[in-house]
């Protein structure tokens, strides 16, 4: 972690794949420890083996082909795919000290991902009424390049975001991603941008100070 970042946060990067259930168990344990004041906050960058995860609003009809393991989670949202070539960022922050505003937290994460994508020359944005991070695909249509899904327990956040660096996009066909069937899914690779996981993690870290500052300012402005 760079010297300008909050030293109360552990920044962890995984080089290999972490099974989803193992990551979920570790997040839940870390959530309890942060809430009890026994552990630092955590930003955890990793990759999962292929898996479909179900959020609290997942509709059975949106599971089209359960070709991979399906894991129910406590995060918000619907069905999401995680797999090789996708970088997942789990963000465990204590909103007791950063502002008890979940909407503000989600907005700040979206901005963090959008700013990081811009560093690789990819313009991305939020879309009213559609969860996630959106960009212009190679055919000119809007497509999702990043997913957002969070959970807050004891006012400590869990889960976070996933960005498509170079996944097998056909794997998304097993679900209706995030319940949105009218738009496709894309990746940096599909857009002609080659980004290694380590490059993405480093760029995300460089933008982290802005994310934390923006979170603090936005939440304070709403108090």
C-alpha atoms as a PDB file:
ATOM      1  CA  UNK A   1       0.000   0.000   0.000  1.00  0.00           C
ATOM      2  CA  UNK A   2       1.327   3.435  -0.866  1.00  0.00           C
ATOM      3  CA  UNK A   3       2.404   5.838   1.828  1.00  0.00           C
ATOM      4  CA  UNK A   4      -0.467   8.226   1.107  1.00  0.00           C
ATOM      5  CA  UNK A   5      -3.186   5.749   1.983  1.00  0.00           C
ATOM      6  CA  UNK A   6      -4.987   5.149   5.265  1.00  0.00           C
ATOM      7  CA  UNK A   7      -2.734   2.902   7.358  1.00  0.00           C
ATOM      8  CA  UNK A   8      -5.784   1.503   9.163  1.00  0.00           C
ATOM      9  CA  UNK A   9      -6.555  -0.444   5.972  1.00  0.00           C
ATOM     10  CA  UNK A  10      -4.869  -3.682   4.965  1.00  0.00           C
ATOM     11  CA  UNK A  11      -4.433  -3.938   1.205  1.00  0.00           C
ATOM     12  CA  UNK A  12      -4.257  -7.577   0.178  1.00  0.00           C
ATOM     13  CA  UNK A  13      -3.606  -8.949  -3.323  1.00  0.00           C
ATOM     14  CA  UNK A  14      -4.007 -12.593  -4.272  1.00  0.00           C
ATOM     15  CA  UNK A  15      -2.001 -14.018  -7.147  1.00  0.00           C
ATOM     16  CA  UNK A  16      -3.911 -17.303  -7.402  1.00  0.00           C
ATOM     17  CA  UNK A  17      -7.582 -18.193  -7.454  1.00  0.00           C
ATOM     18  CA  UNK A  18      -9.506 -18.202  -4.174  1.00  0.00           C
ATOM     19  CA  UNK A  19     -12.593 -20.464  -3.969  1.00  0.00           C
ATOM     20  CA  UNK A  20     -15.681 -18.335  -3.468  1.00  0.00           C
ATOM     21  CA  UNK A  21     -16.923 -20.097  -0.334  1.00  0.00           C
ATOM     22  CA  UNK A  22     -13.516 -19.716   1.318  1.00  0.00           C
ATOM     23  CA  UNK A  23     -13.460 -16.000   0.526  1.00  0.00           C
ATOM     24  CA  UNK A  24     -16.998 -15.583   1.851  1.00  0.00           C
ATOM     25  CA  UNK A  25     -16.102 -17.286   5.134  1.00  0.00           C
ATOM     26  CA  UNK A  26     -13.026 -15.100   5.525  1.00  0.00           C
ATOM     27  CA  UNK A  27     -15.022 -11.948   4.795  1.00  0.00           C
ATOM     28  CA  UNK A  28     -17.612 -12.853   7.405  1.00  0.00           C
ATOM     29  CA  UNK A  29     -14.919 -13.495  10.008  1.00  0.00           C
ATOM     30  CA  UNK A  30     -13.121 -10.264   9.154  1.00  0.00           C
ATOM     31  CA  UNK A  31     -16.398  -8.340   9.328  1.00  0.00           C
ATOM     32  CA  UNK A  32     -16.912  -9.537  12.896  1.00  0.00           C
ATOM     33  CA  UNK A  33     -13.324  -8.738  13.844  1.00  0.00           C
ATOM     34  CA  UNK A  34     -13.465  -5.203  12.403  1.00  0.00           C
ATOM     35  CA  UNK A  35     -16.761  -4.522  14.175  1.00  0.00           C
ATOM     36  CA  UNK A  36     -15.214  -5.729  17.455  1.00  0.00           C
ATOM     37  CA  UNK A  37     -12.164  -3.523  16.983  1.00  0.00           C
ATOM     38  CA  UNK A  38      -9.903  -6.572  16.667  1.00  0.00           C
ATOM     39  CA  UNK A  39      -8.738  -6.169  13.057  1.00  0.00           C
ATOM     40  CA  UNK A  40      -7.956  -3.492  10.503  1.00  0.00           C
ATOM     41  CA  UNK A  41     -10.247  -2.663   7.621  1.00  0.00           C
ATOM     42  CA  UNK A  42      -9.486  -4.593   4.433  1.00  0.00           C
ATOM     43  CA  UNK A  43      -9.400  -4.090   0.665  1.00  0.00           C
ATOM     44  CA  UNK A  44      -8.897  -7.516  -0.922  1.00  0.00           C
ATOM     45  CA  UNK A  45      -8.168  -8.021  -4.633  1.00  0.00           C
ATOM     46  CA  UNK A  46      -8.539 -11.547  -5.991  1.00  0.00           C
ATOM     47  CA  UNK A  47      -9.874 -13.922  -8.618  1.00  0.00           C
ATOM     48  CA  UNK A  48     -12.283 -16.835  -8.226  1.00  0.00           C
ATOM     49  CA  UNK A  49     -12.689 -20.125 -10.057  1.00  0.00           C
ATOM     50  CA  UNK A  50     -15.925 -20.068 -12.139  1.00  0.00           C
ATOM     51  CA  UNK A  51     -18.972 -19.606  -9.908  1.00  0.00           C
ATOM     52  CA  UNK A  52     -22.431 -18.049 -10.002  1.00  0.00           C
ATOM     53  CA  UNK A  53     -23.436 -16.113  -6.907  1.00  0.00           C
ATOM     54  CA  UNK A  54     -26.976 -15.221  -5.898  1.00  0.00           C
ATOM     55  CA  UNK A  55     -27.753 -11.960  -4.157  1.00  0.00           C
ATOM     56  CA  UNK A  56     -30.760 -11.348  -1.951  1.00  0.00           C
ATOM     57  CA  UNK A  57     -32.918 -10.304  -4.931  1.00  0.00           C
ATOM     58  CA  UNK A  58     -31.960 -13.203  -7.237  1.00  0.00           C
ATOM     59  CA  UNK A  59     -34.941 -14.621  -9.155  1.00  0.00           C
ATOM     60  CA  UNK A  60     -34.868 -18.357  -9.996  1.00  0.00           C
ATOM     61  CA  UNK A  61     -35.939 -17.655 -13.588  1.00  0.00           C
ATOM     62  CA  UNK A  62     -32.712 -15.685 -14.107  1.00  0.00           C
ATOM     63  CA  UNK A  63     -30.590 -18.806 -13.583  1.00  0.00           C
ATOM     64  CA  UNK A  64     -30.561 -20.078 -17.170  1.00  0.00           C
ATOM     65  CA  UNK A  65     -27.843 -22.737 -17.080  1.00  0.00           C
ATOM     66  CA  UNK A  66     -26.232 -23.685 -13.736  1.00  0.00           C
ATOM     67  CA  UNK A  67     -23.112 -25.022 -15.399  1.00  0.00           C
ATOM     68  CA  UNK A  68     -21.002 -23.849 -12.456  1.00  0.00           C
ATOM     69  CA  UNK A  69     -21.504 -23.984  -8.700  1.00  0.00           C
ATOM     70  CA  UNK A  70     -24.211 -21.614  -7.471  1.00  0.00           C
ATOM     71  CA  UNK A  71     -23.587 -19.975  -4.082  1.00  0.00           C
ATOM     72  CA  UNK A  72     -26.150 -17.932  -2.188  1.00  0.00           C
ATOM     73  CA  UNK A  73     -24.703 -14.840  -0.547  1.00  0.00           C
ATOM     74  CA  UNK A  74     -25.997 -12.134   1.727  1.00  0.00           C
ATOM     75  CA  UNK A  75     -25.040  -9.289  -0.600  1.00  0.00           C
ATOM     76  CA  UNK A  76     -27.559  -7.152  -2.401  1.00  0.00           C
ATOM     77  CA  UNK A  77     -28.371  -7.696  -6.056  1.00  0.00           C
ATOM     78  CA  UNK A  78     -29.213 -10.715  -8.189  1.00  0.00           C
ATOM     79  CA  UNK A  79     -27.139 -13.342 -10.009  1.00  0.00           C
ATOM     80  CA  UNK A  80     -23.513 -12.561 -10.836  1.00  0.00           C
ATOM     81  CA  UNK A  81     -20.739 -14.566 -12.445  1.00  0.00           C
ATOM     82  CA  UNK A  82     -17.173 -14.651 -11.123  1.00  0.00           C
ATOM     83  CA  UNK A  83     -14.316 -16.432 -12.822  1.00  0.00           C
ATOM     84  CA  UNK A  84     -10.788 -16.345 -14.203  1.00  0.00           C
ATOM     85  CA  UNK A  85      -9.914 -13.107 -15.941  1.00  0.00           C
ATOM     86  CA  UNK A  86     -12.203 -11.069 -13.714  1.00  0.00           C
ATOM     87  CA  UNK A  87     -10.716  -9.010 -10.876  1.00  0.00           C
ATOM     88  CA  UNK A  88     -12.823  -8.894  -7.738  1.00  0.00           C
ATOM     89  CA  UNK A  89     -12.394  -6.236  -5.086  1.00  0.00           C
ATOM     90  CA  UNK A  90     -13.786  -6.927  -1.624  1.00  0.00           C
ATOM     91  CA  UNK A  91     -14.044  -3.776   0.450  1.00  0.00           C
ATOM     92  CA  UNK A  92     -14.479  -4.137   4.200  1.00  0.00           C
ATOM     93  CA  UNK A  93     -14.706  -0.692   5.759  1.00  0.00           C
ATOM     94  CA  UNK A  94     -16.115   0.498   9.070  1.00  0.00           C
ATOM     95  CA  UNK A  95     -18.896   2.949   8.258  1.00  0.00           C
ATOM     96  CA  UNK A  96     -19.185   3.777  11.944  1.00  0.00           C
ATOM     97  CA  UNK A  97     -16.106   5.944  11.386  1.00  0.00           C
ATOM     98  CA  UNK A  98     -16.528   6.752   7.694  1.00  0.00           C
ATOM     99  CA  UNK A  99     -20.207   7.684   7.609  1.00  0.00           C
ATOM    100  CA  UNK A 100     -23.285   5.494   8.027  1.00  0.00           C
ATOM    101  CA  UNK A 101     -24.596   5.932   4.514  1.00  0.00           C
ATOM    102  CA  UNK A 102     -24.748   2.824   2.341  1.00  0.00           C
ATOM    103  CA  UNK A 103     -25.853   4.667  -0.781  1.00  0.00           C
ATOM    104  CA  UNK A 104     -22.943   7.054  -0.406  1.00  0.00           C
ATOM    105  CA  UNK A 105     -20.570   4.098  -0.012  1.00  0.00           C
ATOM    106  CA  UNK A 106     -21.835   2.404  -3.187  1.00  0.00           C
ATOM    107  CA  UNK A 107     -21.601   5.668  -5.127  1.00  0.00           C
ATOM    108  CA  UNK A 108     -18.000   6.108  -3.976  1.00  0.00           C
ATOM    109  CA  UNK A 109     -17.068   2.569  -5.080  1.00  0.00           C
ATOM    110  CA  UNK A 110     -18.619   3.196  -8.502  1.00  0.00           C
ATOM    111  CA  UNK A 111     -16.568   6.353  -8.865  1.00  0.00           C
ATOM    112  CA  UNK A 112     -13.413   4.505  -7.826  1.00  0.00           C
ATOM    113  CA  UNK A 113     -13.865   1.877 -10.530  1.00  0.00           C
ATOM    114  CA  UNK A 114     -14.810   4.452 -13.172  1.00  0.00           C
ATOM    115  CA  UNK A 115     -11.715   6.527 -12.406  1.00  0.00           C
ATOM    116  CA  UNK A 116      -9.478   3.454 -12.545  1.00  0.00           C
ATOM    117  CA  UNK A 117     -10.910   2.375 -15.903  1.00  0.00           C
ATOM    118  CA  UNK A 118     -10.222   5.881 -17.204  1.00  0.00           C
ATOM    119  CA  UNK A 119      -6.538   5.358 -16.412  1.00  0.00           C
ATOM    120  CA  UNK A 120      -6.570   2.623 -19.063  1.00  0.00           C
ATOM    121  CA  UNK A 121      -8.347   4.817 -21.591  1.00  0.00           C
ATOM    122  CA  UNK A 122     -11.799   3.288 -21.064  1.00  0.00           C
ATOM    123  CA  UNK A 123     -14.693   5.677 -20.524  1.00  0.00           C
ATOM    124  CA  UNK A 124     -17.245   4.211 -18.126  1.00  0.00           C
ATOM    125  CA  UNK A 125     -20.278   5.525 -16.278  1.00  0.00           C
ATOM    126  CA  UNK A 126     -23.209   4.863 -13.978  1.00  0.00           C
ATOM    127  CA  UNK A 127     -26.587   4.287 -15.628  1.00  0.00           C
ATOM    128  CA  UNK A 128     -29.810   5.426 -13.986  1.00  0.00           C
ATOM    129  CA  UNK A 129     -31.880   2.435 -12.912  1.00  0.00           C
ATOM    130  CA  UNK A 130     -29.164  -0.092 -13.832  1.00  0.00           C
ATOM    131  CA  UNK A 131     -26.731  -1.415 -11.251  1.00  0.00           C
ATOM    132  CA  UNK A 132     -23.107  -1.694 -12.242  1.00  0.00           C
ATOM    133  CA  UNK A 133     -20.455   0.043 -14.313  1.00  0.00           C
ATOM    134  CA  UNK A 134     -21.192   0.595 -18.001  1.00  0.00           C
ATOM    135  CA  UNK A 135     -19.192   1.408 -21.109  1.00  0.00           C
ATOM    136  CA  UNK A 136     -19.502   1.428 -24.909  1.00  0.00           C
ATOM    137  CA  UNK A 137     -18.983  -2.015 -26.442  1.00  0.00           C
ATOM    138  CA  UNK A 138     -17.249  -2.669 -29.774  1.00  0.00           C
ATOM    139  CA  UNK A 139     -20.602  -2.583 -31.603  1.00  0.00           C
ATOM    140  CA  UNK A 140     -21.510   0.807 -30.135  1.00  0.00           C
ATOM    141  CA  UNK A 141     -24.080  -0.480 -27.644  1.00  0.00           C
ATOM    142  CA  UNK A 142     -23.884  -0.030 -23.888  1.00  0.00           C
ATOM    143  CA  UNK A 143     -22.506  -3.033 -22.021  1.00  0.00           C
ATOM    144  CA  UNK A 144     -21.608  -3.835 -18.446  1.00  0.00           C
ATOM    145  CA  UNK A 145     -17.909  -4.008 -17.636  1.00  0.00           C
ATOM    146  CA  UNK A 146     -18.174  -4.041 -13.846  1.00  0.00           C
ATOM    147  CA  UNK A 147     -20.599  -5.356 -11.233  1.00  0.00           C
ATOM    148  CA  UNK A 148     -21.349  -3.888  -7.805  1.00  0.00           C
ATOM    149  CA  UNK A 149     -22.829  -5.776  -4.861  1.00  0.00           C
ATOM    150  CA  UNK A 150     -22.422  -4.970  -1.183  1.00  0.00           C
ATOM    151  CA  UNK A 151     -23.626  -6.016   2.223  1.00  0.00           C
ATOM    152  CA  UNK A 152     -23.401  -4.064   5.460  1.00  0.00           C
ATOM    153  CA  UNK A 153     -23.444  -5.828   8.812  1.00  0.00           C
ATOM    154  CA  UNK A 154     -22.722  -4.069  12.112  1.00  0.00           C
ATOM    155  CA  UNK A 155     -22.085  -1.048   9.857  1.00  0.00           C
ATOM    156  CA  UNK A 156     -19.037  -2.828   8.435  1.00  0.00           C
ATOM    157  CA  UNK A 157     -19.162  -3.381   4.686  1.00  0.00           C
ATOM    158  CA  UNK A 158     -18.630  -6.659   2.822  1.00  0.00           C
ATOM    159  CA  UNK A 159     -18.380  -7.765  -0.812  1.00  0.00           C
ATOM    160  CA  UNK A 160     -17.716  -4.944  -3.301  1.00  0.00           C
ATOM    161  CA  UNK A 161     -17.119  -4.975  -7.052  1.00  0.00           C
ATOM    162  CA  UNK A 162     -15.878  -7.070  -9.966  1.00  0.00           C
ATOM    163  CA  UNK A 163     -14.283  -5.790 -13.179  1.00  0.00           C
ATOM    164  CA  UNK A 164     -13.968  -7.809 -16.373  1.00  0.00           C
ATOM    165  CA  UNK A 165     -10.340  -7.763 -17.460  1.00  0.00           C
ATOM    166  CA  UNK A 166     -10.307 -10.823 -19.735  1.00  0.00           C
ATOM    167  CA  UNK A 167     -12.885 -13.427 -18.623  1.00  0.00           C
ATOM    168  CA  UNK A 168     -14.605 -15.950 -20.881  1.00  0.00           C
ATOM    169  CA  UNK A 169     -17.678 -13.850 -21.659  1.00  0.00           C
ATOM    170  CA  UNK A 170     -19.656 -16.919 -22.739  1.00  0.00           C
ATOM    171  CA  UNK A 171     -19.824 -17.889 -19.053  1.00  0.00           C
ATOM    172  CA  UNK A 172     -22.195 -14.984 -18.424  1.00  0.00           C
ATOM    173  CA  UNK A 173     -24.759 -16.688 -20.681  1.00  0.00           C
ATOM    174  CA  UNK A 174     -25.692 -19.058 -17.862  1.00  0.00           C
ATOM    175  CA  UNK A 175     -27.479 -16.240 -16.010  1.00  0.00           C
ATOM    176  CA  UNK A 176     -29.275 -12.975 -16.600  1.00  0.00           C
ATOM    177  CA  UNK A 177     -26.429 -10.838 -15.201  1.00  0.00           C
ATOM    178  CA  UNK A 178     -27.759  -8.701 -12.352  1.00  0.00           C
ATOM    179  CA  UNK A 179     -31.261  -9.251 -13.729  1.00  0.00           C
ATOM    180  CA  UNK A 180     -30.636  -7.038 -16.771  1.00  0.00           C
ATOM    181  CA  UNK A 181     -31.366  -8.838 -20.040  1.00  0.00           C
ATOM    182  CA  UNK A 182     -31.477  -5.866 -22.431  1.00  0.00           C
ATOM    183  CA  UNK A 183     -27.744  -5.147 -22.338  1.00  0.00           C
ATOM    184  CA  UNK A 184     -24.639  -7.241 -22.871  1.00  0.00           C
ATOM    185  CA  UNK A 185     -21.430  -7.782 -20.940  1.00  0.00           C
ATOM    186  CA  UNK A 186     -18.002  -6.732 -22.148  1.00  0.00           C
ATOM    187  CA  UNK A 187     -14.395  -6.721 -20.952  1.00  0.00           C
ATOM    188  CA  UNK A 188     -11.206  -4.739 -21.312  1.00  0.00           C
ATOM    189  CA  UNK A 189      -9.839  -7.507 -23.530  1.00  0.00           C
ATOM    190  CA  UNK A 190     -12.864  -7.300 -25.843  1.00  0.00           C
ATOM    191  CA  UNK A 191     -12.318  -3.543 -26.075  1.00  0.00           C
ATOM    192  CA  UNK A 192      -8.726  -4.152 -27.143  1.00  0.00           C
ATOM    193  CA  UNK A 193      -7.156  -3.162 -23.822  1.00  0.00           C
ATOM    194  CA  UNK A 194      -4.755  -5.687 -22.283  1.00  0.00           C
ATOM    195  CA  UNK A 195      -4.496  -5.287 -18.512  1.00  0.00           C
ATOM    196  CA  UNK A 196      -2.816  -7.817 -16.235  1.00  0.00           C
ATOM    197  CA  UNK A 197      -4.269  -8.378 -12.752  1.00  0.00           C
ATOM    198  CA  UNK A 198      -1.228  -6.776 -11.097  1.00  0.00           C
ATOM    199  CA  UNK A 199      -1.556  -3.712 -13.331  1.00  0.00           C
ATOM    200  CA  UNK A 200      -5.208  -3.363 -12.382  1.00  0.00           C
ATOM    201  CA  UNK A 201      -4.462  -3.720  -8.671  1.00  0.00           C
ATOM    202  CA  UNK A 202      -1.746  -1.076  -8.839  1.00  0.00           C
ATOM    203  CA  UNK A 203      -3.984   1.375 -10.696  1.00  0.00           C
ATOM    204  CA  UNK A 204      -6.805   0.757  -8.239  1.00  0.00           C
ATOM    205  CA  UNK A 205      -4.458   1.389  -5.340  1.00  0.00           C
ATOM    206  CA  UNK A 206      -3.279   4.667  -6.882  1.00  0.00           C
ATOM    207  CA  UNK A 207      -6.906   5.775  -7.013  1.00  0.00           C
ATOM    208  CA  UNK A 208      -7.747   4.585  -3.501  1.00  0.00           C
ATOM    209  CA  UNK A 209      -6.887   7.850  -1.770  1.00  0.00           C
ATOM    210  CA  UNK A 210      -9.394   9.663  -3.975  1.00  0.00           C
ATOM    211  CA  UNK A 211     -12.003   7.009  -3.205  1.00  0.00           C
ATOM    212  CA  UNK A 212     -11.541   7.361   0.552  1.00  0.00           C
ATOM    213  CA  UNK A 213     -11.465  11.165   0.422  1.00  0.00           C
ATOM    214  CA  UNK A 214     -14.575  11.215  -1.747  1.00  0.00           C
ATOM    215  CA  UNK A 215     -16.352   8.832   0.606  1.00  0.00           C
ATOM    216  CA  UNK A 216     -15.510  11.009   3.576  1.00  0.00           C
ATOM    217  CA  UNK A 217     -16.591  14.260   1.881  1.00  0.00           C
ATOM    218  CA  UNK A 218     -19.843  12.859   0.519  1.00  0.00           C
ATOM    219  CA  UNK A 219     -20.897  11.289   3.791  1.00  0.00           C
ATOM    220  CA  UNK A 220     -20.026  14.371   5.819  1.00  0.00           C
ATOM    221  CA  UNK A 221     -22.018  16.535   3.403  1.00  0.00           C
ATOM    222  CA  UNK A 222     -25.135  14.464   4.144  1.00  0.00           C
ATOM    223  CA  UNK A 223     -24.827  14.741   7.913  1.00  0.00           C
END
